[in-house]
Amino acid sequence: MRLMSYDVLALHASAEERDVLIAEHRWRLFGMGIISGMLGAVPTFFWATSAMAFIFFPIVSFFALWIYSLVFIFSALWFAHYLLDALREHRMINGVVLNDA
């Protein structure tokens, strides 16, 4: 959770803003991390619990890798959207004005 949050905010927030946002949204970020981790385990569950997965390994592994990729992309976009929106709200509440130049 901490690394994904840092990656999202590294270019857009100051160190103080990062610390405040991570502390303020800790439990929601934790929940998002738990859900993302559970989604990442879904492909493994299907190919590891099926005897047919061994027979059709090339096809099953292709779909499993595809689902892993989708989960990774979904998680990254979810964290980025959530934290950048939280940063925007934090700046609006605290009256931070940035130049768009």
C-alpha atoms as a PDB file:
ATOM      1  CA  MET A   1       0.000   0.000   0.000  1.00  0.00           C
ATOM      2  CA  ARG A   2       2.712   2.449   0.945  1.00  0.00           C
ATOM      3  CA  LEU A   3       4.710   1.921  -2.269  1.00  0.00           C
ATOM      4  CA  MET A   4       1.705   2.225  -4.565  1.00  0.00           C
ATOM      5  CA  SER A   5       0.649   5.409  -2.746  1.00  0.00           C
ATOM      6  CA  TYR A   6       4.127   6.866  -3.031  1.00  0.00           C
ATOM      7  CA  ASP A   7       4.347   6.041  -6.730  1.00  0.00           C
ATOM      8  CA  VAL A   8       1.056   7.811  -7.428  1.00  0.00           C
ATOM      9  CA  LEU A   9       1.896  10.948  -5.463  1.00  0.00           C
ATOM     10  CA  ALA A  10       5.642  11.216  -6.116  1.00  0.00           C
ATOM     11  CA  LEU A  11       5.384  13.695  -8.988  1.00  0.00           C
ATOM     12  CA  HIS A  12       2.264  15.552  -7.918  1.00  0.00           C
ATOM     13  CA  ALA A  13       2.407  16.075  -4.150  1.00  0.00           C
ATOM     14  CA  SER A  14       4.946  17.458  -1.729  1.00  0.00           C
ATOM     15  CA  ALA A  15       6.360  15.233   1.005  1.00  0.00           C
ATOM     16  CA  GLU A  16       4.033  16.810   3.567  1.00  0.00           C
ATOM     17  CA  GLU A  17       0.989  16.307   1.349  1.00  0.00           C
ATOM     18  CA  ARG A  18       1.965  12.664   0.773  1.00  0.00           C
ATOM     19  CA  ASP A  19       2.288  12.008   4.492  1.00  0.00           C
ATOM     20  CA  VAL A  20      -1.025  13.704   5.289  1.00  0.00           C
ATOM     21  CA  LEU A  21      -2.929  11.907   2.528  1.00  0.00           C
ATOM     22  CA  ILE A  22      -1.521   8.493   3.365  1.00  0.00           C
ATOM     23  CA  ALA A  23      -2.286   8.966   7.056  1.00  0.00           C
ATOM     24  CA  GLU A  24      -5.745  10.370   6.361  1.00  0.00           C
ATOM     25  CA  HIS A  25      -6.760   7.635   3.917  1.00  0.00           C
ATOM     26  CA  ARG A  26      -4.825   4.742   5.482  1.00  0.00           C
ATOM     27  CA  TRP A  27      -7.764   2.373   6.002  1.00  0.00           C
ATOM     28  CA  ARG A  28      -9.326   2.957   2.596  1.00  0.00           C
ATOM     29  CA  LEU A  29      -5.955   2.393   0.934  1.00  0.00           C
ATOM     30  CA  PHE A  30      -5.511  -0.742   3.036  1.00  0.00           C
ATOM     31  CA  GLY A  31      -8.918  -2.005   1.901  1.00  0.00           C
ATOM     32  CA  MET A  32      -8.068  -1.257  -1.726  1.00  0.00           C
ATOM     33  CA  GLY A  33      -4.829  -3.214  -1.304  1.00  0.00           C
ATOM     34  CA  ILE A  34      -6.675  -6.184   0.197  1.00  0.00           C
ATOM     35  CA  ILE A  35      -9.214  -6.224  -2.652  1.00  0.00           C
ATOM     36  CA  SER A  36      -6.466  -5.880  -5.270  1.00  0.00           C
ATOM     37  CA  GLY A  37      -4.545  -8.752  -3.686  1.00  0.00           C
ATOM     38  CA  MET A  38      -7.635 -10.949  -3.635  1.00  0.00           C
ATOM     39  CA  LEU A  39      -8.312 -10.171  -7.291  1.00  0.00           C
ATOM     40  CA  GLY A  40      -4.712 -11.109  -8.064  1.00  0.00           C
ATOM     41  CA  ALA A  41      -5.261 -14.521  -6.475  1.00  0.00           C
ATOM     42  CA  VAL A  42      -8.295 -15.378  -8.615  1.00  0.00           C
ATOM     43  CA  PRO A  43      -6.393 -16.672 -11.697  1.00  0.00           C
ATOM     44  CA  THR A  44      -4.149 -18.834  -9.514  1.00  0.00           C
ATOM     45  CA  PHE A  45      -7.170 -20.333  -7.801  1.00  0.00           C
ATOM     46  CA  PHE A  46      -8.717 -21.390 -11.104  1.00  0.00           C
ATOM     47  CA  TRP A  47      -5.674 -22.909 -12.740  1.00  0.00           C
ATOM     48  CA  ALA A  48      -4.359 -24.531  -9.558  1.00  0.00           C
ATOM     49  CA  THR A  49      -7.648 -26.224  -8.645  1.00  0.00           C
ATOM     50  CA  SER A  50      -8.577 -27.695 -11.996  1.00  0.00           C
ATOM     51  CA  ALA A  51      -7.263 -30.951 -13.421  1.00  0.00           C
ATOM     52  CA  MET A  52      -8.145 -29.690 -16.907  1.00  0.00           C
ATOM     53  CA  ALA A  53      -5.696 -26.835 -16.404  1.00  0.00           C
ATOM     54  CA  PHE A  54      -2.813 -29.292 -16.744  1.00  0.00           C
ATOM     55  CA  ILE A  55      -4.143 -30.626 -20.020  1.00  0.00           C
ATOM     56  CA  PHE A  56      -4.785 -27.202 -21.509  1.00  0.00           C
ATOM     57  CA  PHE A  57      -1.822 -25.518 -19.830  1.00  0.00           C
ATOM     58  CA  PRO A  58      -0.813 -23.262 -22.768  1.00  0.00           C
ATOM     59  CA  ILE A  59      -4.318 -21.874 -23.117  1.00  0.00           C
ATOM     60  CA  VAL A  60      -4.975 -21.591 -19.383  1.00  0.00           C
ATOM     61  CA  SER A  61      -1.627 -19.912 -18.740  1.00  0.00           C
ATOM     62  CA  PHE A  62      -2.316 -17.377 -21.492  1.00  0.00           C
ATOM     63  CA  PHE A  63      -5.657 -16.434 -19.945  1.00  0.00           C
ATOM     64  CA  ALA A  64      -4.178 -16.390 -16.437  1.00  0.00           C
ATOM     65  CA  LEU A  65      -1.441 -13.989 -17.531  1.00  0.00           C
ATOM     66  CA  TRP A  66      -4.030 -11.846 -19.282  1.00  0.00           C
ATOM     67  CA  ILE A  67      -6.143 -11.670 -16.112  1.00  0.00           C
ATOM     68  CA  TYR A  68      -3.052 -10.895 -13.994  1.00  0.00           C
ATOM     69  CA  SER A  69      -2.301  -8.009 -16.346  1.00  0.00           C
ATOM     70  CA  LEU A  70      -5.850  -6.692 -16.114  1.00  0.00           C
ATOM     71  CA  VAL A  71      -5.788  -6.851 -12.314  1.00  0.00           C
ATOM     72  CA  PHE A  72      -2.454  -5.014 -12.229  1.00  0.00           C
ATOM     73  CA  ILE A  73      -3.728  -2.280 -14.549  1.00  0.00           C
ATOM     74  CA  PHE A  74      -7.013  -1.985 -12.647  1.00  0.00           C
ATOM     75  CA  SER A  75      -5.200  -1.699  -9.300  1.00  0.00           C
ATOM     76  CA  ALA A  76      -2.783   0.942 -10.555  1.00  0.00           C
ATOM     77  CA  LEU A  77      -5.583   3.011 -12.062  1.00  0.00           C
ATOM     78  CA  TRP A  78      -7.740   2.622  -8.957  1.00  0.00           C
ATOM     79  CA  PHE A  79      -4.977   3.846  -6.629  1.00  0.00           C
ATOM     80  CA  ALA A  80      -4.019   6.681  -8.993  1.00  0.00           C
ATOM     81  CA  HIS A  81      -7.586   7.887  -9.424  1.00  0.00           C
ATOM     82  CA  TYR A  82      -8.355   7.696  -5.713  1.00  0.00           C
ATOM     83  CA  LEU A  83      -5.194   9.417  -4.501  1.00  0.00           C
ATOM     84  CA  LEU A  84      -5.119  12.142  -7.134  1.00  0.00           C
ATOM     85  CA  ASP A  85      -8.739  12.968  -6.359  1.00  0.00           C
ATOM     86  CA  ALA A  86      -7.902  13.017  -2.633  1.00  0.00           C
ATOM     87  CA  LEU A  87      -4.961  15.331  -3.394  1.00  0.00           C
ATOM     88  CA  ARG A  88      -7.240  17.658  -5.354  1.00  0.00           C
ATOM     89  CA  GLU A  89      -9.741  17.776  -2.490  1.00  0.00           C
ATOM     90  CA  HIS A  90      -6.952  18.307   0.056  1.00  0.00           C
ATOM     91  CA  ARG A  91      -5.616  21.238  -1.917  1.00  0.00           C
ATOM     92  CA  MET A  92      -9.082  22.757  -2.351  1.00  0.00           C
ATOM     93  CA  ILE A  93      -9.770  22.518   1.387  1.00  0.00           C
ATOM     94  CA  ASN A  94      -6.404  24.024   2.327  1.00  0.00           C
ATOM     95  CA  GLY A  95      -6.534  26.734  -0.339  1.00  0.00           C
ATOM     96  CA  VAL A  96      -3.474  25.646  -2.300  1.00  0.00           C
ATOM     97  CA  VAL A  97      -3.364  27.346  -5.694  1.00  0.00           C
ATOM     98  CA  LEU A  98      -1.028  26.025  -8.381  1.00  0.00           C
ATOM     99  CA  ASN A  99       0.010  27.716 -11.593  1.00  0.00           C
ATOM    100  CA  ASP A 100      -1.012  25.758 -14.681  1.00  0.00           C
ATOM    101  CA  ALA A 101       1.870  27.131 -16.718  1.00  0.00           C
END
